[in-house]
Amino acid sequence: MKTVIALAAALVLIGLYATPVTAQSLQLSPASVEVDVPAGGSSRVEFYVFDFAGDLEIGVESIPLTVEPDEVTVDAGPEGSKVVVTLHGDEGLGSETYEGRITFLARTGGMVAMGIKVRATVNHVAEDAAFPTIPLVIGIAAFAAIIAAVVILSGRRPRQRSP
């Protein structure tokens, strides 16, 4: 009987030793973002991390842009710590709006312990599409044609018939 109790106690101690115990949680603000990213440039977004100390791996889902930094070390208490994420535009992509997520994965001992996904609306703006020149030219030409037709038609007098 003593052997069984000793074996059970040893198994409990081994189980407690192998299970990492963390008393921290990961909180992030804001819960969603919307950002305009120029095709040949970049835009910065500020996040605040609360109640976490460790490494955060930063990435994107369903957004075909690169993010920087890809990893940060944070030591944030209840007062929070600022993390600035930069999204880099891609000149190979046109103007497009992407609905995706910016991911923050908390790593402990080389394994993902927890994570948060922030909803992100990214408006990728190509420089050639920033100002719609062709529709503007067509609109001006149509307006000029309408004005010319009105002027010409209003200047005509009706013919008088002779008896």
C-alpha atoms as a PDB file:
ATOM      1  CA  MET A   1       0.000   0.000   0.000  1.00  0.00           C
ATOM      2  CA  LYS A   2       2.847   2.369   0.809  1.00  0.00           C
ATOM      3  CA  THR A   3       4.337   1.646  -2.599  1.00  0.00           C
ATOM      4  CA  VAL A   4       1.094   2.586  -4.362  1.00  0.00           C
ATOM      5  CA  ILE A   5       0.833   5.859  -2.421  1.00  0.00           C
ATOM      6  CA  ALA A   6       4.479   6.695  -3.118  1.00  0.00           C
ATOM      7  CA  LEU A   7       4.021   5.906  -6.824  1.00  0.00           C
ATOM      8  CA  ALA A   8       0.864   8.083  -6.986  1.00  0.00           C
ATOM      9  CA  ALA A   9       2.657  10.944  -5.233  1.00  0.00           C
ATOM     10  CA  ALA A  10       5.582  10.643  -7.648  1.00  0.00           C
ATOM     11  CA  LEU A  11       3.232  10.744 -10.646  1.00  0.00           C
ATOM     12  CA  VAL A  12       1.486  13.835  -9.254  1.00  0.00           C
ATOM     13  CA  LEU A  13       4.839  15.580  -8.711  1.00  0.00           C
ATOM     14  CA  ILE A  14       6.008  14.676 -12.220  1.00  0.00           C
ATOM     15  CA  GLY A  15       2.715  15.953 -13.654  1.00  0.00           C
ATOM     16  CA  LEU A  16       3.013  19.238 -11.771  1.00  0.00           C
ATOM     17  CA  TYR A  17       6.619  19.684 -12.848  1.00  0.00           C
ATOM     18  CA  ALA A  18       5.849  19.063 -16.543  1.00  0.00           C
ATOM     19  CA  THR A  19       2.875  21.445 -16.671  1.00  0.00           C
ATOM     20  CA  PRO A  20       3.898  25.093 -17.071  1.00  0.00           C
ATOM     21  CA  VAL A  21       2.002  27.367 -14.737  1.00  0.00           C
ATOM     22  CA  THR A  22       1.341  30.913 -15.868  1.00  0.00           C
ATOM     23  CA  ALA A  23      -0.595  33.470 -13.926  1.00  0.00           C
ATOM     24  CA  GLN A  24      -0.644  35.957 -16.764  1.00  0.00           C
ATOM     25  CA  SER A  25      -3.091  36.697 -19.497  1.00  0.00           C
ATOM     26  CA  LEU A  26      -2.791  38.507 -22.789  1.00  0.00           C
ATOM     27  CA  GLN A  27      -5.013  41.474 -23.518  1.00  0.00           C
ATOM     28  CA  LEU A  28      -4.756  43.734 -26.546  1.00  0.00           C
ATOM     29  CA  SER A  29      -6.351  46.987 -27.643  1.00  0.00           C
ATOM     30  CA  PRO A  30      -7.917  48.002 -30.047  1.00  0.00           C
ATOM     31  CA  ALA A  31     -10.063  45.036 -31.056  1.00  0.00           C
ATOM     32  CA  SER A  32     -10.257  46.152 -34.701  1.00  0.00           C
ATOM     33  CA  VAL A  33      -8.413  48.582 -36.983  1.00  0.00           C
ATOM     34  CA  GLU A  34      -8.825  50.209 -40.390  1.00  0.00           C
ATOM     35  CA  VAL A  35      -5.743  51.510 -42.160  1.00  0.00           C
ATOM     36  CA  ASP A  36      -4.822  52.940 -45.577  1.00  0.00           C
ATOM     37  CA  VAL A  37      -1.561  51.569 -46.969  1.00  0.00           C
ATOM     38  CA  PRO A  38       0.014  53.145 -50.074  1.00  0.00           C
ATOM     39  CA  ALA A  39       1.291  50.635 -52.629  1.00  0.00           C
ATOM     40  CA  GLY A  40       4.845  51.973 -52.555  1.00  0.00           C
ATOM     41  CA  GLY A  41       4.911  52.862 -48.875  1.00  0.00           C
ATOM     42  CA  SER A  42       3.847  51.797 -45.430  1.00  0.00           C
ATOM     43  CA  SER A  43       1.494  52.672 -42.582  1.00  0.00           C
ATOM     44  CA  ARG A  44       1.850  52.279 -38.849  1.00  0.00           C
ATOM     45  CA  VAL A  45      -0.750  51.011 -36.403  1.00  0.00           C
ATOM     46  CA  GLU A  46      -0.418  51.294 -32.620  1.00  0.00           C
ATOM     47  CA  PHE A  47      -1.576  48.544 -30.299  1.00  0.00           C
ATOM     48  CA  TYR A  48      -1.485  48.352 -26.519  1.00  0.00           C
ATOM     49  CA  VAL A  49      -0.648  45.067 -24.783  1.00  0.00           C
ATOM     50  CA  PHE A  50      -1.794  44.493 -21.196  1.00  0.00           C
ATOM     51  CA  ASP A  51      -0.918  41.904 -18.538  1.00  0.00           C
ATOM     52  CA  PHE A  52       1.694  39.988 -20.488  1.00  0.00           C
ATOM     53  CA  ALA A  53       5.431  39.440 -20.307  1.00  0.00           C
ATOM     54  CA  GLY A  54       7.174  37.476 -23.037  1.00  0.00           C
ATOM     55  CA  ASP A  55       7.591  37.227 -26.783  1.00  0.00           C
ATOM     56  CA  LEU A  56       4.794  38.072 -29.202  1.00  0.00           C
ATOM     57  CA  GLU A  57       4.930  36.803 -32.769  1.00  0.00           C
ATOM     58  CA  ILE A  58       3.119  39.214 -35.120  1.00  0.00           C
ATOM     59  CA  GLY A  59       1.639  38.154 -38.459  1.00  0.00           C
ATOM     60  CA  VAL A  60      -1.286  38.647 -40.835  1.00  0.00           C
ATOM     61  CA  GLU A  61      -4.097  36.432 -42.142  1.00  0.00           C
ATOM     62  CA  SER A  62      -5.895  37.064 -45.459  1.00  0.00           C
ATOM     63  CA  ILE A  63      -3.892  40.241 -46.047  1.00  0.00           C
ATOM     64  CA  PRO A  64      -1.181  39.861 -48.739  1.00  0.00           C
ATOM     65  CA  LEU A  65       1.138  42.502 -47.233  1.00  0.00           C
ATOM     66  CA  THR A  66       4.212  42.208 -45.055  1.00  0.00           C
ATOM     67  CA  VAL A  67       4.219  43.207 -41.413  1.00  0.00           C
ATOM     68  CA  GLU A  68       7.084  44.490 -39.295  1.00  0.00           C
ATOM     69  CA  PRO A  69       8.283  43.618 -36.725  1.00  0.00           C
ATOM     70  CA  ASP A  70       7.494  39.933 -36.872  1.00  0.00           C
ATOM     71  CA  GLU A  71       8.366  39.472 -33.186  1.00  0.00           C
ATOM     72  CA  VAL A  72       8.571  41.732 -30.133  1.00  0.00           C
ATOM     73  CA  THR A  73       9.421  41.207 -26.494  1.00  0.00           C
ATOM     74  CA  VAL A  74       6.877  42.764 -24.156  1.00  0.00           C
ATOM     75  CA  ASP A  75       6.827  43.359 -20.419  1.00  0.00           C
ATOM     76  CA  ALA A  76       3.394  44.898 -19.869  1.00  0.00           C
ATOM     77  CA  GLY A  77       1.424  45.170 -16.697  1.00  0.00           C
ATOM     78  CA  PRO A  78      -2.073  46.519 -16.145  1.00  0.00           C
ATOM     79  CA  GLU A  79      -0.953  49.953 -17.399  1.00  0.00           C
ATOM     80  CA  GLY A  80      -0.133  48.563 -20.846  1.00  0.00           C
ATOM     81  CA  SER A  81       2.772  48.728 -23.245  1.00  0.00           C
ATOM     82  CA  LYS A  82       2.686  50.197 -26.773  1.00  0.00           C
ATOM     83  CA  VAL A  83       3.534  47.997 -29.763  1.00  0.00           C
ATOM     84  CA  VAL A  84       3.813  49.695 -33.165  1.00  0.00           C
ATOM     85  CA  VAL A  85       3.132  47.483 -36.190  1.00  0.00           C
ATOM     86  CA  THR A  86       4.077  48.622 -39.707  1.00  0.00           C
ATOM     87  CA  LEU A  87       2.233  47.293 -42.765  1.00  0.00           C
ATOM     88  CA  HIS A  88       4.205  47.551 -46.012  1.00  0.00           C
ATOM     89  CA  GLY A  89       2.393  48.036 -49.326  1.00  0.00           C
ATOM     90  CA  ASP A  90       3.127  46.011 -52.439  1.00  0.00           C
ATOM     91  CA  GLU A  91       3.514  47.832 -55.767  1.00  0.00           C
ATOM     92  CA  GLY A  92       2.568  44.617 -57.598  1.00  0.00           C
ATOM     93  CA  LEU A  93      -0.945  44.773 -56.152  1.00  0.00           C
ATOM     94  CA  GLY A  94      -3.581  47.202 -57.354  1.00  0.00           C
ATOM     95  CA  SER A  95      -6.009  49.179 -55.268  1.00  0.00           C
ATOM     96  CA  GLU A  96      -7.919  46.717 -53.130  1.00  0.00           C
ATOM     97  CA  THR A  97      -9.570  46.493 -49.733  1.00  0.00           C
ATOM     98  CA  TYR A  98      -8.576  43.460 -47.675  1.00  0.00           C
ATOM     99  CA  GLU A  99     -10.556  42.114 -44.738  1.00  0.00           C
ATOM    100  CA  GLY A 100      -8.294  40.009 -42.565  1.00  0.00           C
ATOM    101  CA  ARG A 101      -6.598  39.775 -39.204  1.00  0.00           C
ATOM    102  CA  ILE A 102      -3.395  40.879 -37.544  1.00  0.00           C
ATOM    103  CA  THR A 103      -2.319  38.040 -35.280  1.00  0.00           C
ATOM    104  CA  PHE A 104      -0.450  38.230 -31.988  1.00  0.00           C
ATOM    105  CA  LEU A 105       0.816  34.851 -30.760  1.00  0.00           C
ATOM    106  CA  ALA A 106       2.285  34.608 -27.270  1.00  0.00           C
ATOM    107  CA  ARG A 107       5.179  32.160 -27.116  1.00  0.00           C
ATOM    108  CA  THR A 108       6.395  30.500 -23.969  1.00  0.00           C
ATOM    109  CA  GLY A 109       9.227  28.009 -24.114  1.00  0.00           C
ATOM    110  CA  GLY A 110       9.082  27.877 -27.914  1.00  0.00           C
ATOM    111  CA  MET A 111       5.389  26.942 -27.960  1.00  0.00           C
ATOM    112  CA  VAL A 112       2.322  29.077 -28.587  1.00  0.00           C
ATOM    113  CA  ALA A 113       0.630  29.618 -25.249  1.00  0.00           C
ATOM    114  CA  MET A 114      -2.171  31.918 -26.396  1.00  0.00           C
ATOM    115  CA  GLY A 115      -3.049  34.301 -29.173  1.00  0.00           C
ATOM    116  CA  ILE A 116      -5.260  37.178 -30.227  1.00  0.00           C
ATOM    117  CA  LYS A 117      -6.528  38.034 -33.699  1.00  0.00           C
ATOM    118  CA  VAL A 118      -7.386  41.675 -34.374  1.00  0.00           C
ATOM    119  CA  ARG A 119      -9.859  42.369 -37.191  1.00  0.00           C
ATOM    120  CA  ALA A 120      -8.203  44.542 -39.814  1.00  0.00           C
ATOM    121  CA  THR A 121      -9.586  46.389 -42.815  1.00  0.00           C
ATOM    122  CA  VAL A 122      -6.637  47.352 -45.007  1.00  0.00           C
ATOM    123  CA  ASN A 123      -7.227  49.739 -47.891  1.00  0.00           C
ATOM    124  CA  HIS A 124      -4.303  49.132 -50.245  1.00  0.00           C
ATOM    125  CA  VAL A 125      -4.079  52.210 -52.488  1.00  0.00           C
ATOM    126  CA  ALA A 126      -2.123  52.085 -55.740  1.00  0.00           C
ATOM    127  CA  GLU A 127      -0.762  55.484 -56.801  1.00  0.00           C
ATOM    128  CA  ASP A 128      -2.224  55.319 -60.310  1.00  0.00           C
ATOM    129  CA  ALA A 129      -5.685  54.753 -58.861  1.00  0.00           C
ATOM    130  CA  ALA A 130      -5.433  57.509 -56.269  1.00  0.00           C
ATOM    131  CA  PHE A 131      -6.936  60.081 -58.678  1.00  0.00           C
ATOM    132  CA  PRO A 132      -9.404  58.819 -61.279  1.00  0.00           C
ATOM    133  CA  THR A 133      -8.217  60.812 -64.329  1.00  0.00           C
ATOM    134  CA  ILE A 134     -10.039  58.899 -67.112  1.00  0.00           C
ATOM    135  CA  PRO A 135     -13.548  59.168 -65.567  1.00  0.00           C
ATOM    136  CA  LEU A 136     -12.865  62.832 -64.857  1.00  0.00           C
ATOM    137  CA  VAL A 137     -11.928  63.558 -68.501  1.00  0.00           C
ATOM    138  CA  ILE A 138     -14.999  61.682 -69.766  1.00  0.00           C
ATOM    139  CA  GLY A 139     -17.231  63.632 -67.375  1.00  0.00           C
ATOM    140  CA  ILE A 140     -15.804  66.995 -68.458  1.00  0.00           C
ATOM    141  CA  ALA A 141     -16.192  66.096 -72.161  1.00  0.00           C
ATOM    142  CA  ALA A 142     -19.825  65.014 -71.657  1.00  0.00           C
ATOM    143  CA  PHE A 143     -20.622  68.197 -69.753  1.00  0.00           C
ATOM    144  CA  ALA A 144     -19.051  70.361 -72.501  1.00  0.00           C
ATOM    145  CA  ALA A 145     -21.042  68.523 -75.201  1.00  0.00           C
ATOM    146  CA  ILE A 146     -24.310  69.108 -73.324  1.00  0.00           C
ATOM    147  CA  ILE A 147     -23.563  72.821 -72.870  1.00  0.00           C
ATOM    148  CA  ALA A 148     -22.652  73.188 -76.574  1.00  0.00           C
ATOM    149  CA  ALA A 149     -25.887  71.478 -77.640  1.00  0.00           C
ATOM    150  CA  VAL A 150     -27.974  73.722 -75.383  1.00  0.00           C
ATOM    151  CA  VAL A 151     -26.281  76.881 -76.720  1.00  0.00           C
ATOM    152  CA  ILE A 152     -26.700  75.843 -80.345  1.00  0.00           C
ATOM    153  CA  LEU A 153     -30.338  74.810 -79.944  1.00  0.00           C
ATOM    154  CA  SER A 154     -31.332  77.885 -77.968  1.00  0.00           C
ATOM    155  CA  GLY A 155     -29.813  80.210 -80.604  1.00  0.00           C
ATOM    156  CA  ARG A 156     -31.921  78.855 -83.466  1.00  0.00           C
ATOM    157  CA  ARG A 157     -35.078  80.709 -84.375  1.00  0.00           C
ATOM    158  CA  PRO A 158     -38.008  78.878 -85.796  1.00  0.00           C
ATOM    159  CA  ARG A 159     -38.721  79.614 -89.517  1.00  0.00           C
ATOM    160  CA  GLN A 160     -41.782  81.606 -90.383  1.00  0.00           C
ATOM    161  CA  ARG A 161     -43.841  80.331 -93.232  1.00  0.00           C
ATOM    162  CA  SER A 162     -45.105  82.708 -95.834  1.00  0.00           C
ATOM    163  CA  PRO A 163     -48.765  82.457 -96.941  1.00  0.00           C
END
